[in-house]
Amino acid sequence: IQLDKIKSIDGNMIYHELGSTPIGETYKNE
């Protein structure tokens, strides 16, 4: 994901202008 496009993060989901994208378990810490 492009970081500037992130609007919000809720739990394991990242929300952006095109909808939402899941965060993988191994990438949560990053």
mmCIF file of all heavy atoms, coordinates in Angstrom:
data_MODEL
# 
_entry.id   MODEL 
# 
loop_
_atom_site.group_PDB 
_atom_site.id 
_atom_site.type_symbol 
_atom_site.label_atom_id 
_atom_site.label_alt_id 
_atom_site.label_comp_id 
_atom_site.label_asym_id 
_atom_site.label_entity_id 
_atom_site.label_seq_id 
_atom_site.pdbx_PDB_ins_code 
_atom_site.Cartn_x 
_atom_site.Cartn_y 
_atom_site.Cartn_z 
_atom_site.occupancy 
_atom_site.B_iso_or_equiv 
_atom_site.pdbx_formal_charge 
_atom_site.auth_seq_id 
_atom_site.auth_comp_id 
_atom_site.auth_asym_id 
_atom_site.auth_atom_id 
_atom_site.pdbx_PDB_model_num 
ATOM 1   N N   . ILE A 1 1  ? 0.835   -1.203  0.000  1.00 0.00 ? 1  ILE A N   1 
ATOM 2   C CA  . ILE A 1 1  ? 0.000   0.000   0.000  1.00 0.00 ? 1  ILE A CA  1 
ATOM 3   C C   . ILE A 1 1  ? 0.870   1.253   0.000  1.00 0.00 ? 1  ILE A C   1 
ATOM 4   O O   . ILE A 1 1  ? 1.988   1.248   0.529  1.00 0.00 ? 1  ILE A O   1 
ATOM 5   C CB  . ILE A 1 1  ? -0.965  0.020   1.214  1.00 0.00 ? 1  ILE A CB  1 
ATOM 6   C CG1 . ILE A 1 1  ? -2.052  1.089   1.032  1.00 0.00 ? 1  ILE A CG1 1 
ATOM 7   C CG2 . ILE A 1 1  ? -0.214  0.219   2.521  1.00 0.00 ? 1  ILE A CG2 1 
ATOM 8   C CD1 . ILE A 1 1  ? -3.257  0.899   1.920  1.00 0.00 ? 1  ILE A CD1 1 
ATOM 9   N N   . GLN A 1 2  ? 0.346   2.303   -0.636 1.00 0.00 ? 2  GLN A N   1 
ATOM 10  C CA  . GLN A 1 2  ? 1.031   3.594   -0.537 1.00 0.00 ? 2  GLN A CA  1 
ATOM 11  C C   . GLN A 1 2  ? 0.597   4.263   0.766  1.00 0.00 ? 2  GLN A C   1 
ATOM 12  O O   . GLN A 1 2  ? -0.600  4.437   1.025  1.00 0.00 ? 2  GLN A O   1 
ATOM 13  C CB  . GLN A 1 2  ? 0.704   4.521   -1.715 1.00 0.00 ? 2  GLN A CB  1 
ATOM 14  C CG  . GLN A 1 2  ? 1.517   5.799   -1.594 1.00 0.00 ? 2  GLN A CG  1 
ATOM 15  C CD  . GLN A 1 2  ? 1.293   6.804   -2.695 1.00 0.00 ? 2  GLN A CD  1 
ATOM 16  O OE1 . GLN A 1 2  ? 1.673   7.949   -2.545 1.00 0.00 ? 2  GLN A OE1 1 
ATOM 17  N NE2 . GLN A 1 2  ? 0.695   6.399   -3.804 1.00 0.00 ? 2  GLN A NE2 1 
ATOM 18  N N   . LEU A 1 3  ? 1.569   4.644   1.567  1.00 0.00 ? 3  LEU A N   1 
ATOM 19  C CA  . LEU A 1 3  ? 1.278   5.131   2.916  1.00 0.00 ? 3  LEU A CA  1 
ATOM 20  C C   . LEU A 1 3  ? 0.456   6.412   2.910  1.00 0.00 ? 3  LEU A C   1 
ATOM 21  O O   . LEU A 1 3  ? -0.390  6.609   3.787  1.00 0.00 ? 3  LEU A O   1 
ATOM 22  C CB  . LEU A 1 3  ? 2.596   5.334   3.675  1.00 0.00 ? 3  LEU A CB  1 
ATOM 23  C CG  . LEU A 1 3  ? 3.420   4.054   3.865  1.00 0.00 ? 3  LEU A CG  1 
ATOM 24  C CD1 . LEU A 1 3  ? 4.773   4.376   4.472  1.00 0.00 ? 3  LEU A CD1 1 
ATOM 25  C CD2 . LEU A 1 3  ? 2.676   3.041   4.726  1.00 0.00 ? 3  LEU A CD2 1 
ATOM 26  N N   . ASP A 1 4  ? 0.669   7.277   1.933  1.00 0.00 ? 4  ASP A N   1 
ATOM 27  C CA  . ASP A 1 4  ? -0.090  8.531   1.870  1.00 0.00 ? 4  ASP A CA  1 
ATOM 28  C C   . ASP A 1 4  ? -1.570  8.308   1.561  1.00 0.00 ? 4  ASP A C   1 
ATOM 29  O O   . ASP A 1 4  ? -2.392  9.213   1.773  1.00 0.00 ? 4  ASP A O   1 
ATOM 30  C CB  . ASP A 1 4  ? 0.498   9.468   0.810  1.00 0.00 ? 4  ASP A CB  1 
ATOM 31  C CG  . ASP A 1 4  ? 1.768   10.144  1.291  1.00 0.00 ? 4  ASP A CG  1 
ATOM 32  O OD1 . ASP A 1 4  ? 2.042   10.088  2.502  1.00 0.00 ? 4  ASP A OD1 1 
ATOM 33  O OD2 . ASP A 1 4  ? 2.492   10.719  0.457  1.00 0.00 ? 4  ASP A OD2 1 
ATOM 34  N N   . LYS A 1 5  ? -1.909  7.130   1.056  1.00 0.00 ? 5  LYS A N   1 
ATOM 35  C CA  . LYS A 1 5  ? -3.299  6.836   0.682  1.00 0.00 ? 5  LYS A CA  1 
ATOM 36  C C   . LYS A 1 5  ? -4.112  6.273   1.846  1.00 0.00 ? 5  LYS A C   1 
ATOM 37  O O   . LYS A 1 5  ? -5.325  6.111   1.739  1.00 0.00 ? 5  LYS A O   1 
ATOM 38  C CB  . LYS A 1 5  ? -3.333  5.846   -0.481 1.00 0.00 ? 5  LYS A CB  1 
ATOM 39  C CG  . LYS A 1 5  ? -2.610  6.303   -1.736 1.00 0.00 ? 5  LYS A CG  1 
ATOM 40  C CD  . LYS A 1 5  ? -3.261  7.510   -2.371 1.00 0.00 ? 5  LYS A CD  1 
ATOM 41  C CE  . LYS A 1 5  ? -2.567  7.853   -3.691 1.00 0.00 ? 5  LYS A CE  1 
ATOM 42  N NZ  . LYS A 1 5  ? -3.158  9.053   -4.337 1.00 0.00 ? 5  LYS A NZ  1 
ATOM 43  N N   . ILE A 1 6  ? -3.434  5.990   2.972  1.00 0.00 ? 6  ILE A N   1 
ATOM 44  C CA  . ILE A 1 6  ? -4.139  5.423   4.121  1.00 0.00 ? 6  ILE A CA  1 
ATOM 45  C C   . ILE A 1 6  ? -5.010  6.496   4.780  1.00 0.00 ? 6  ILE A C   1 
ATOM 46  O O   . ILE A 1 6  ? -4.538  7.578   5.117  1.00 0.00 ? 6  ILE A O   1 
ATOM 47  C CB  . ILE A 1 6  ? -3.135  4.858   5.155  1.00 0.00 ? 6  ILE A CB  1 
ATOM 48  C CG1 . ILE A 1 6  ? -2.386  3.665   4.560  1.00 0.00 ? 6  ILE A CG1 1 
ATOM 49  C CG2 . ILE A 1 6  ? -3.862  4.449   6.438  1.00 0.00 ? 6  ILE A CG2 1 
ATOM 50  C CD1 . ILE A 1 6  ? -1.293  3.115   5.458  1.00 0.00 ? 6  ILE A CD1 1 
ATOM 51  N N   . LYS A 1 7  ? -6.297  6.161   4.956  1.00 0.00 ? 7  LYS A N   1 
ATOM 52  C CA  . LYS A 1 7  ? -7.218  7.087   5.630  1.00 0.00 ? 7  LYS A CA  1 
ATOM 53  C C   . LYS A 1 7  ? -7.397  6.718   7.095  1.00 0.00 ? 7  LYS A C   1 
ATOM 54  O O   . LYS A 1 7  ? -7.485  7.588   7.965  1.00 0.00 ? 7  LYS A O   1 
ATOM 55  C CB  . LYS A 1 7  ? -8.572  7.078   4.913  1.00 0.00 ? 7  LYS A CB  1 
ATOM 56  C CG  . LYS A 1 7  ? -8.531  7.722   3.532  1.00 0.00 ? 7  LYS A CG  1 
ATOM 57  C CD  . LYS A 1 7  ? -9.928  7.834   2.934  1.00 0.00 ? 7  LYS A CD  1 
ATOM 58  C CE  . LYS A 1 7  ? -9.893  8.610   1.617  1.00 0.00 ? 7  LYS A CE  1 
ATOM 59  N NZ  . LYS A 1 7  ? -11.246 8.736   1.011  1.00 0.00 ? 7  LYS A NZ  1 
ATOM 60  N N   . SER A 1 8  ? -7.467  5.418   7.364  1.00 0.00 ? 8  SER A N   1 
ATOM 61  C CA  . SER A 1 8  ? -7.615  4.971   8.751  1.00 0.00 ? 8  SER A CA  1 
ATOM 62  C C   . SER A 1 8  ? -7.218  3.511   8.864  1.00 0.00 ? 8  SER A C   1 
ATOM 63  O O   . SER A 1 8  ? -7.136  2.795   7.850  1.00 0.00 ? 8  SER A O   1 
ATOM 64  C CB  . SER A 1 8  ? -9.061  5.162   9.244  1.00 0.00 ? 8  SER A CB  1 
ATOM 65  O OG  . SER A 1 8  ? -9.955  4.345   8.487  1.00 0.00 ? 8  SER A OG  1 
ATOM 66  N N   . ILE A 1 9  ? -6.954  3.091   10.103 1.00 0.00 ? 9  ILE A N   1 
ATOM 67  C CA  . ILE A 1 9  ? -6.633  1.699   10.384 1.00 0.00 ? 9  ILE A CA  1 
ATOM 68  C C   . ILE A 1 9  ? -7.530  1.242   11.522 1.00 0.00 ? 9  ILE A C   1 
ATOM 69  O O   . ILE A 1 9  ? -7.618  1.894   12.571 1.00 0.00 ? 9  ILE A O   1 
ATOM 70  C CB  . ILE A 1 9  ? -5.148  1.542   10.782 1.00 0.00 ? 9  ILE A CB  1 
ATOM 71  C CG1 . ILE A 1 9  ? -4.238  2.019   9.647  1.00 0.00 ? 9  ILE A CG1 1 
ATOM 72  C CG2 . ILE A 1 9  ? -4.845  0.080   11.129 1.00 0.00 ? 9  ILE A CG2 1 
ATOM 73  C CD1 . ILE A 1 9  ? -2.761  2.034   10.000 1.00 0.00 ? 9  ILE A CD1 1 
ATOM 74  N N   . ASP A 1 10 ? -8.220  0.140   11.308 1.00 0.00 ? 10 ASP A N   1 
ATOM 75  C CA  . ASP A 1 10 ? -9.136  -0.385  12.317 1.00 0.00 ? 10 ASP A CA  1 
ATOM 76  C C   . ASP A 1 10 ? -8.916  -1.893  12.420 1.00 0.00 ? 10 ASP A C   1 
ATOM 77  O O   . ASP A 1 10 ? -9.242  -2.644  11.493 1.00 0.00 ? 10 ASP A O   1 
ATOM 78  C CB  . ASP A 1 10 ? -10.581 -0.078  11.931 1.00 0.00 ? 10 ASP A CB  1 
ATOM 79  C CG  . ASP A 1 10 ? -11.569 -0.477  13.023 1.00 0.00 ? 10 ASP A CG  1 
ATOM 80  O OD1 . ASP A 1 10 ? -11.117 -0.889  14.103 1.00 0.00 ? 10 ASP A OD1 1 
ATOM 81  O OD2 . ASP A 1 10 ? -12.789 -0.403  12.786 1.00 0.00 ? 10 ASP A OD2 1 
ATOM 82  N N   . GLY A 1 11 ? -8.320  -2.315  13.544 1.00 0.00 ? 11 GLY A N   1 
ATOM 83  C CA  . GLY A 1 11 ? -8.050  -3.736  13.711 1.00 0.00 ? 11 GLY A CA  1 
ATOM 84  C C   . GLY A 1 11 ? -7.059  -4.221  12.666 1.00 0.00 ? 11 GLY A C   1 
ATOM 85  O O   . GLY A 1 11 ? -5.955  -3.691  12.551 1.00 0.00 ? 11 GLY A O   1 
ATOM 86  N N   . ASN A 1 12 ? -7.473  -5.198  11.893 1.00 0.00 ? 12 ASN A N   1 
ATOM 87  C CA  . ASN A 1 12 ? -6.604  -5.776  10.873 1.00 0.00 ? 12 ASN A CA  1 
ATOM 88  C C   . ASN A 1 12 ? -6.900  -5.241  9.475  1.00 0.00 ? 12 ASN A C   1 
ATOM 89  O O   . ASN A 1 12 ? -6.525  -5.881  8.479  1.00 0.00 ? 12 ASN A O   1 
ATOM 90  C CB  . ASN A 1 12 ? -6.754  -7.309  10.863 1.00 0.00 ? 12 ASN A CB  1 
ATOM 91  C CG  . ASN A 1 12 ? -6.231  -7.942  12.129 1.00 0.00 ? 12 ASN A CG  1 
ATOM 92  O OD1 . ASN A 1 12 ? -5.318  -7.413  12.758 1.00 0.00 ? 12 ASN A OD1 1 
ATOM 93  N ND2 . ASN A 1 12 ? -6.809  -9.065  12.519 1.00 0.00 ? 12 ASN A ND2 1 
ATOM 94  N N   . MET A 1 13 ? -7.543  -4.102  9.396  1.00 0.00 ? 13 MET A N   1 
ATOM 95  C CA  . MET A 1 13 ? -7.897  -3.538  8.092  1.00 0.00 ? 13 MET A CA  1 
ATOM 96  C C   . MET A 1 13 ? -7.354  -2.124  7.934  1.00 0.00 ? 13 MET A C   1 
ATOM 97  O O   . MET A 1 13 ? -7.367  -1.328  8.886  1.00 0.00 ? 13 MET A O   1 
ATOM 98  C CB  . MET A 1 13 ? -9.417  -3.506  7.898  1.00 0.00 ? 13 MET A CB  1 
ATOM 99  C CG  . MET A 1 13 ? -10.089 -4.873  7.955  1.00 0.00 ? 13 MET A CG  1 
ATOM 100 S SD  . MET A 1 13 ? -9.535  -6.018  6.667  1.00 0.00 ? 13 MET A SD  1 
ATOM 101 C CE  . MET A 1 13 ? -10.160 -5.193  5.189  1.00 0.00 ? 13 MET A CE  1 
ATOM 102 N N   . ILE A 1 14 ? -6.856  -1.839  6.741  1.00 0.00 ? 14 ILE A N   1 
ATOM 103 C CA  . ILE A 1 14 ? -6.436  -0.489  6.372  1.00 0.00 ? 14 ILE A CA  1 
ATOM 104 C C   . ILE A 1 14 ? -7.459  0.052   5.372  1.00 0.00 ? 14 ILE A C   1 
ATOM 105 O O   . ILE A 1 14 ? -7.796  -0.611  4.389  1.00 0.00 ? 14 ILE A O   1 
ATOM 106 C CB  . ILE A 1 14 ? -5.038  -0.485  5.742  1.00 0.00 ? 14 ILE A CB  1 
ATOM 107 C CG1 . ILE A 1 14 ? -3.973  -0.766  6.810  1.00 0.00 ? 14 ILE A CG1 1 
ATOM 108 C CG2 . ILE A 1 14 ? -4.745  0.846   5.046  1.00 0.00 ? 14 ILE A CG2 1 
ATOM 109 C CD1 . ILE A 1 14 ? -2.550  -0.816  6.297  1.00 0.00 ? 14 ILE A CD1 1 
ATOM 110 N N   . TYR A 1 15 ? -7.952  1.260   5.650  1.00 0.00 ? 15 TYR A N   1 
ATOM 111 C CA  . TYR A 1 15 ? -8.977  1.866   4.784  1.00 0.00 ? 15 TYR A CA  1 
ATOM 112 C C   . TYR A 1 15 ? -8.346  2.982   3.945  1.00 0.00 ? 15 TYR A C   1 
ATOM 113 O O   . TYR A 1 15 ? -7.521  3.762   4.423  1.00 0.00 ? 15 TYR A O   1 
ATOM 114 C CB  . TYR A 1 15 ? -10.121 2.406   5.641  1.00 0.00 ? 15 TYR A CB  1 
ATOM 115 C CG  . TYR A 1 15 ? -10.896 1.298   6.316  1.00 0.00 ? 15 TYR A CG  1 
ATOM 116 C CD1 . TYR A 1 15 ? -10.482 0.804   7.557  1.00 0.00 ? 15 TYR A CD1 1 
ATOM 117 C CD2 . TYR A 1 15 ? -12.009 0.722   5.705  1.00 0.00 ? 15 TYR A CD2 1 
ATOM 118 C CE1 . TYR A 1 15 ? -11.167 -0.231  8.175  1.00 0.00 ? 15 TYR A CE1 1 
ATOM 119 C CE2 . TYR A 1 15 ? -12.706 -0.315  6.314  1.00 0.00 ? 15 TYR A CE2 1 
ATOM 120 C CZ  . TYR A 1 15 ? -12.278 -0.782  7.548  1.00 0.00 ? 15 TYR A CZ  1 
ATOM 121 O OH  . TYR A 1 15 ? -12.962 -1.825  8.147  1.00 0.00 ? 15 TYR A OH  1 
ATOM 122 N N   . HIS A 1 16 ? -8.740  3.012   2.683  1.00 0.00 ? 16 HIS A N   1 
ATOM 123 C CA  . HIS A 1 16 ? -8.215  3.991   1.728  1.00 0.00 ? 16 HIS A CA  1 
ATOM 124 C C   . HIS A 1 16 ? -9.326  4.364   0.763  1.00 0.00 ? 16 HIS A C   1 
ATOM 125 O O   . HIS A 1 16 ? -10.476 3.902   0.918  1.00 0.00 ? 16 HIS A O   1 
ATOM 126 C CB  . HIS A 1 16 ? -7.001  3.413   0.979  1.00 0.00 ? 16 HIS A CB  1 
ATOM 127 C CG  . HIS A 1 16 ? -7.199  2.001   0.504  1.00 0.00 ? 16 HIS A CG  1 
ATOM 128 N ND1 . HIS A 1 16 ? -7.991  1.689   -0.585 1.00 0.00 ? 16 HIS A ND1 1 
ATOM 129 C CD2 . HIS A 1 16 ? -6.736  0.830   0.992  1.00 0.00 ? 16 HIS A CD2 1 
ATOM 130 C CE1 . HIS A 1 16 ? -7.993  0.372   -0.761 1.00 0.00 ? 16 HIS A CE1 1 
ATOM 131 N NE2 . HIS A 1 16 ? -7.248  -0.184  0.187  1.00 0.00 ? 16 HIS A NE2 1 
ATOM 132 N N   . GLU A 1 17 ? -9.009  5.187   -0.224 1.00 0.00 ? 17 GLU A N   1 
ATOM 133 C CA  . GLU A 1 17 ? -10.054 5.717   -1.108 1.00 0.00 ? 17 GLU A CA  1 
ATOM 134 C C   . GLU A 1 17 ? -10.731 4.664   -1.969 1.00 0.00 ? 17 GLU A C   1 
ATOM 135 O O   . GLU A 1 17 ? -11.813 4.897   -2.510 1.00 0.00 ? 17 GLU A O   1 
ATOM 136 C CB  . GLU A 1 17 ? -9.485  6.822   -2.004 1.00 0.00 ? 17 GLU A CB  1 
ATOM 137 C CG  . GLU A 1 17 ? -8.394  6.351   -2.960 1.00 0.00 ? 17 GLU A CG  1 
ATOM 138 C CD  . GLU A 1 17 ? -7.741  7.516   -3.682 1.00 0.00 ? 17 GLU A CD  1 
ATOM 139 O OE1 . GLU A 1 17 ? -6.844  8.156   -3.090 1.00 0.00 ? 17 GLU A OE1 1 
ATOM 140 O OE2 . GLU A 1 17 ? -8.117  7.774   -4.826 1.00 0.00 ? 17 GLU A OE2 1 
ATOM 141 N N   . LEU A 1 18 ? -10.119 3.514   -2.134 1.00 0.00 ? 18 LEU A N   1 
ATOM 142 C CA  . LEU A 1 18 ? -10.719 2.453   -2.951 1.00 0.00 ? 18 LEU A CA  1 
ATOM 143 C C   . LEU A 1 18 ? -11.381 1.365   -2.113 1.00 0.00 ? 18 LEU A C   1 
ATOM 144 O O   . LEU A 1 18 ? -11.839 0.362   -2.651 1.00 0.00 ? 18 LEU A O   1 
ATOM 145 C CB  . LEU A 1 18 ? -9.654  1.827   -3.865 1.00 0.00 ? 18 LEU A CB  1 
ATOM 146 C CG  . LEU A 1 18 ? -9.033  2.758   -4.906 1.00 0.00 ? 18 LEU A CG  1 
ATOM 147 C CD1 . LEU A 1 18 ? -7.981  2.016   -5.721 1.00 0.00 ? 18 LEU A CD1 1 
ATOM 148 C CD2 . LEU A 1 18 ? -10.097 3.335   -5.831 1.00 0.00 ? 18 LEU A CD2 1 
ATOM 149 N N   . GLY A 1 19 ? -11.416 1.555   -0.803 1.00 0.00 ? 19 GLY A N   1 
ATOM 150 C CA  . GLY A 1 19 ? -12.045 0.564   0.056  1.00 0.00 ? 19 GLY A CA  1 
ATOM 151 C C   . GLY A 1 19 ? -11.131 0.174   1.202  1.00 0.00 ? 19 GLY A C   1 
ATOM 152 O O   . GLY A 1 19 ? -10.625 1.036   1.923  1.00 0.00 ? 19 GLY A O   1 
ATOM 153 N N   . SER A 1 20 ? -10.887 -1.111  1.371  1.00 0.00 ? 20 SER A N   1 
ATOM 154 C CA  . SER A 1 20 ? -10.059 -1.581  2.484  1.00 0.00 ? 20 SER A CA  1 
ATOM 155 C C   . SER A 1 20 ? -9.153  -2.715  2.039  1.00 0.00 ? 20 SER A C   1 
ATOM 156 O O   . SER A 1 20 ? -9.430  -3.410  1.061  1.00 0.00 ? 20 SER A O   1 
ATOM 157 C CB  . SER A 1 20 ? -10.944 -2.054  3.646  1.00 0.00 ? 20 SER A CB  1 
ATOM 158 O OG  . SER A 1 20 ? -11.769 -3.138  3.224  1.00 0.00 ? 20 SER A OG  1 
ATOM 159 N N   . THR A 1 21 ? -8.069  -2.887  2.776  1.00 0.00 ? 21 THR A N   1 
ATOM 160 C CA  . THR A 1 21 ? -7.074  -3.919  2.479  1.00 0.00 ? 21 THR A CA  1 
ATOM 161 C C   . THR A 1 21 ? -6.639  -4.546  3.799  1.00 0.00 ? 21 THR A C   1 
ATOM 162 O O   . THR A 1 21 ? -6.372  -3.824  4.768  1.00 0.00 ? 21 THR A O   1 
ATOM 163 C CB  . THR A 1 21 ? -5.855  -3.293  1.764  1.00 0.00 ? 21 THR A CB  1 
ATOM 164 O OG1 . THR A 1 21 ? -6.289  -2.605  0.595  1.00 0.00 ? 21 THR A OG1 1 
ATOM 165 C CG2 . THR A 1 21 ? -4.872  -4.382  1.352  1.00 0.00 ? 21 THR A CG2 1 
ATOM 166 N N   . PRO A 1 22 ? -6.559  -5.874  3.880  1.00 0.00 ? 22 PRO A N   1 
ATOM 167 C CA  . PRO A 1 22 ? -6.210  -6.529  5.153  1.00 0.00 ? 22 PRO A CA  1 
ATOM 168 C C   . PRO A 1 22 ? -4.718  -6.418  5.494  1.00 0.00 ? 22 PRO A C   1 
ATOM 169 O O   . PRO A 1 22 ? -3.873  -6.315  4.604  1.00 0.00 ? 22 PRO A O   1 
ATOM 170 C CB  . PRO A 1 22 ? -6.594  -7.991  4.908  1.00 0.00 ? 22 PRO A CB  1 
ATOM 171 C CG  . PRO A 1 22 ? -6.455  -8.183  3.433  1.00 0.00 ? 22 PRO A CG  1 
ATOM 172 C CD  . PRO A 1 22 ? -6.867  -6.877  2.819  1.00 0.00 ? 22 PRO A CD  1 
ATOM 173 N N   . ILE A 1 23 ? -4.438  -6.446  6.782  1.00 0.00 ? 23 ILE A N   1 
ATOM 174 C CA  . ILE A 1 23 ? -3.059  -6.499  7.268  1.00 0.00 ? 23 ILE A CA  1 
ATOM 175 C C   . ILE A 1 23 ? -2.745  -7.953  7.602  1.00 0.00 ? 23 ILE A C   1 
ATOM 176 O O   . ILE A 1 23 ? -3.456  -8.600  8.378  1.00 0.00 ? 23 ILE A O   1 
ATOM 177 C CB  . ILE A 1 23 ? -2.875  -5.634  8.529  1.00 0.00 ? 23 ILE A CB  1 
ATOM 178 C CG1 . ILE A 1 23 ? -3.251  -4.182  8.238  1.00 0.00 ? 23 ILE A CG1 1 
ATOM 179 C CG2 . ILE A 1 23 ? -1.436  -5.725  9.043  1.00 0.00 ? 23 ILE A CG2 1 
ATOM 180 C CD1 . ILE A 1 23 ? -3.338  -3.312  9.493  1.00 0.00 ? 23 ILE A CD1 1 
ATOM 181 N N   . GLY A 1 24 ? -1.680  -8.494  7.054  1.00 0.00 ? 24 GLY A N   1 
ATOM 182 C CA  . GLY A 1 24 ? -1.284  -9.865  7.333  1.00 0.00 ? 24 GLY A CA  1 
ATOM 183 C C   . GLY A 1 24 ? -0.663  -10.002 8.705  1.00 0.00 ? 24 GLY A C   1 
ATOM 184 O O   . GLY A 1 24 ? -0.051  -9.051  9.224  1.00 0.00 ? 24 GLY A O   1 
ATOM 185 N N   . GLU A 1 25 ? -0.807  -11.168 9.307  1.00 0.00 ? 25 GLU A N   1 
ATOM 186 C CA  . GLU A 1 25 ? -0.322  -11.400 10.668 1.00 0.00 ? 25 GLU A CA  1 
ATOM 187 C C   . GLU A 1 25 ? 1.162   -11.070 10.815 1.00 0.00 ? 25 GLU A C   1 
ATOM 188 O O   . GLU A 1 25 ? 1.576   -10.446 11.802 1.00 0.00 ? 25 GLU A O   1 
ATOM 189 C CB  . GLU A 1 25 ? -0.570  -12.869 11.040 1.00 0.00 ? 25 GLU A CB  1 
ATOM 190 C CG  . GLU A 1 25 ? -0.319  -13.195 12.495 1.00 0.00 ? 25 GLU A CG  1 
ATOM 191 C CD  . GLU A 1 25 ? -1.325  -12.510 13.431 1.00 0.00 ? 25 GLU A CD  1 
ATOM 192 O OE1 . GLU A 1 25 ? -2.476  -12.283 13.021 1.00 0.00 ? 25 GLU A OE1 1 
ATOM 193 O OE2 . GLU A 1 25 ? -0.913  -12.185 14.558 1.00 0.00 ? 25 GLU A OE2 1 
ATOM 194 N N   . THR A 1 26 ? 1.963   -11.478 9.840  1.00 0.00 ? 26 THR A N   1 
ATOM 195 C CA  . THR A 1 26 ? 3.423   -11.277 9.947  1.00 0.00 ? 26 THR A CA  1 
ATOM 196 C C   . THR A 1 26 ? 3.846   -9.838  9.671  1.00 0.00 ? 26 THR A C   1 
ATOM 197 O O   . THR A 1 26 ? 5.019   -9.500  9.844  1.00 0.00 ? 26 THR A O   1 
ATOM 198 C CB  . THR A 1 26 ? 4.168   -12.221 8.975  1.00 0.00 ? 26 THR A CB  1 
ATOM 199 O OG1 . THR A 1 26 ? 3.719   -11.972 7.635  1.00 0.00 ? 26 THR A OG1 1 
ATOM 200 C CG2 . THR A 1 26 ? 3.914   -13.680 9.335  1.00 0.00 ? 26 THR A CG2 1 
ATOM 201 N N   . TYR A 1 27 ? 2.894   -8.992  9.245  1.00 0.00 ? 27 TYR A N   1 
ATOM 202 C CA  . TYR A 1 27 ? 3.232   -7.602  8.915  1.00 0.00 ? 27 TYR A CA  1 
ATOM 203 C C   . TYR A 1 27 ? 2.667   -6.608  9.939  1.00 0.00 ? 27 TYR A C   1 
ATOM 204 O O   . TYR A 1 27 ? 2.850   -5.403  9.795  1.00 0.00 ? 27 TYR A O   1 
ATOM 205 C CB  . TYR A 1 27 ? 2.701   -7.257  7.518  1.00 0.00 ? 27 TYR A CB  1 
ATOM 206 C CG  . TYR A 1 27 ? 3.353   -8.073  6.427  1.00 0.00 ? 27 TYR A CG  1 
ATOM 207 C CD1 . TYR A 1 27 ? 2.823   -9.294  6.042  1.00 0.00 ? 27 TYR A CD1 1 
ATOM 208 C CD2 . TYR A 1 27 ? 4.513   -7.642  5.792  1.00 0.00 ? 27 TYR A CD2 1 
ATOM 209 C CE1 . TYR A 1 27 ? 3.429   -10.074 5.059  1.00 0.00 ? 27 TYR A CE1 1 
ATOM 210 C CE2 . TYR A 1 27 ? 5.126   -8.403  4.808  1.00 0.00 ? 27 TYR A CE2 1 
ATOM 211 C CZ  . TYR A 1 27 ? 4.573   -9.620  4.452  1.00 0.00 ? 27 TYR A CZ  1 
ATOM 212 O OH  . TYR A 1 27 ? 5.178   -10.382 3.485  1.00 0.00 ? 27 TYR A OH  1 
ATOM 213 N N   . LYS A 1 28 ? 1.999   -7.109  10.983 1.00 0.00 ? 28 LYS A N   1 
ATOM 214 C CA  . LYS A 1 28 ? 1.365   -6.231  11.968 1.00 0.00 ? 28 LYS A CA  1 
ATOM 215 C C   . LYS A 1 28 ? 2.371   -5.338  12.678 1.00 0.00 ? 28 LYS A C   1 
ATOM 216 O O   . LYS A 1 28 ? 2.127   -4.145  12.906 1.00 0.00 ? 28 LYS A O   1 
ATOM 217 C CB  . LYS A 1 28 ? 0.603   -7.060  12.998 1.00 0.00 ? 28 LYS A CB  1 
ATOM 218 C CG  . LYS A 1 28 ? -0.726  -7.604  12.507 1.00 0.00 ? 28 LYS A CG  1 
ATOM 219 C CD  . LYS A 1 28 ? -1.440  -8.350  13.624 1.00 0.00 ? 28 LYS A CD  1 
ATOM 220 C CE  . LYS A 1 28 ? -2.785  -8.861  13.147 1.00 0.00 ? 28 LYS A CE  1 
ATOM 221 N NZ  . LYS A 1 28 ? -3.484  -9.611  14.228 1.00 0.00 ? 28 LYS A NZ  1 
ATOM 222 N N   . ASN A 1 29 ? 3.521   -5.897  13.038 1.00 0.00 ? 29 ASN A N   1 
ATOM 223 C CA  . ASN A 1 29 ? 4.516   -5.111  13.773 1.00 0.00 ? 29 ASN A CA  1 
ATOM 224 C C   . ASN A 1 29 ? 5.045   -3.951  12.932 1.00 0.00 ? 29 ASN A C   1 
ATOM 225 O O   . ASN A 1 29 ? 5.304   -2.859  13.464 1.00 0.00 ? 29 ASN A O   1 
ATOM 226 C CB  . ASN A 1 29 ? 5.668   -6.002  14.219 1.00 0.00 ? 29 ASN A CB  1 
ATOM 227 C CG  . ASN A 1 29 ? 5.274   -6.910  15.377 1.00 0.00 ? 29 ASN A CG  1 
ATOM 228 O OD1 . ASN A 1 29 ? 4.323   -6.619  16.109 1.00 0.00 ? 29 ASN A OD1 1 
ATOM 229 N ND2 . ASN A 1 29 ? 5.988   -8.018  15.526 1.00 0.00 ? 29 ASN A ND2 1 
ATOM 230 N N   . GLU A 1 30 ? 5.237   -4.177  11.622 1.00 0.00 ? 30 GLU A N   1 
ATOM 231 C CA  . GLU A 1 30 ? 5.707   -3.100  10.750 1.00 0.00 ? 30 GLU A CA  1 
ATOM 232 C C   . GLU A 1 30 ? 4.683   -1.978  10.687 1.00 0.00 ? 30 GLU A C   1 
ATOM 233 O O   . GLU A 1 30 ? 5.033   -0.792  10.695 1.00 0.00 ? 30 GLU A O   1 
ATOM 234 C CB  . GLU A 1 30 ? 5.987   -3.646  9.343  1.00 0.00 ? 30 GLU A CB  1 
ATOM 235 C CG  . GLU A 1 30 ? 7.269   -4.434  9.217  1.00 0.00 ? 30 GLU A CG  1 
ATOM 236 C CD  . GLU A 1 30 ? 8.504   -3.590  9.542  1.00 0.00 ? 30 GLU A CD  1 
ATOM 237 O OE1 . GLU A 1 30 ? 8.628   -2.481  8.994  1.00 0.00 ? 30 GLU A OE1 1 
ATOM 238 O OE2 . GLU A 1 30 ? 9.321   -4.035  10.370 1.00 0.00 ? 30 GLU A OE2 1 
# 
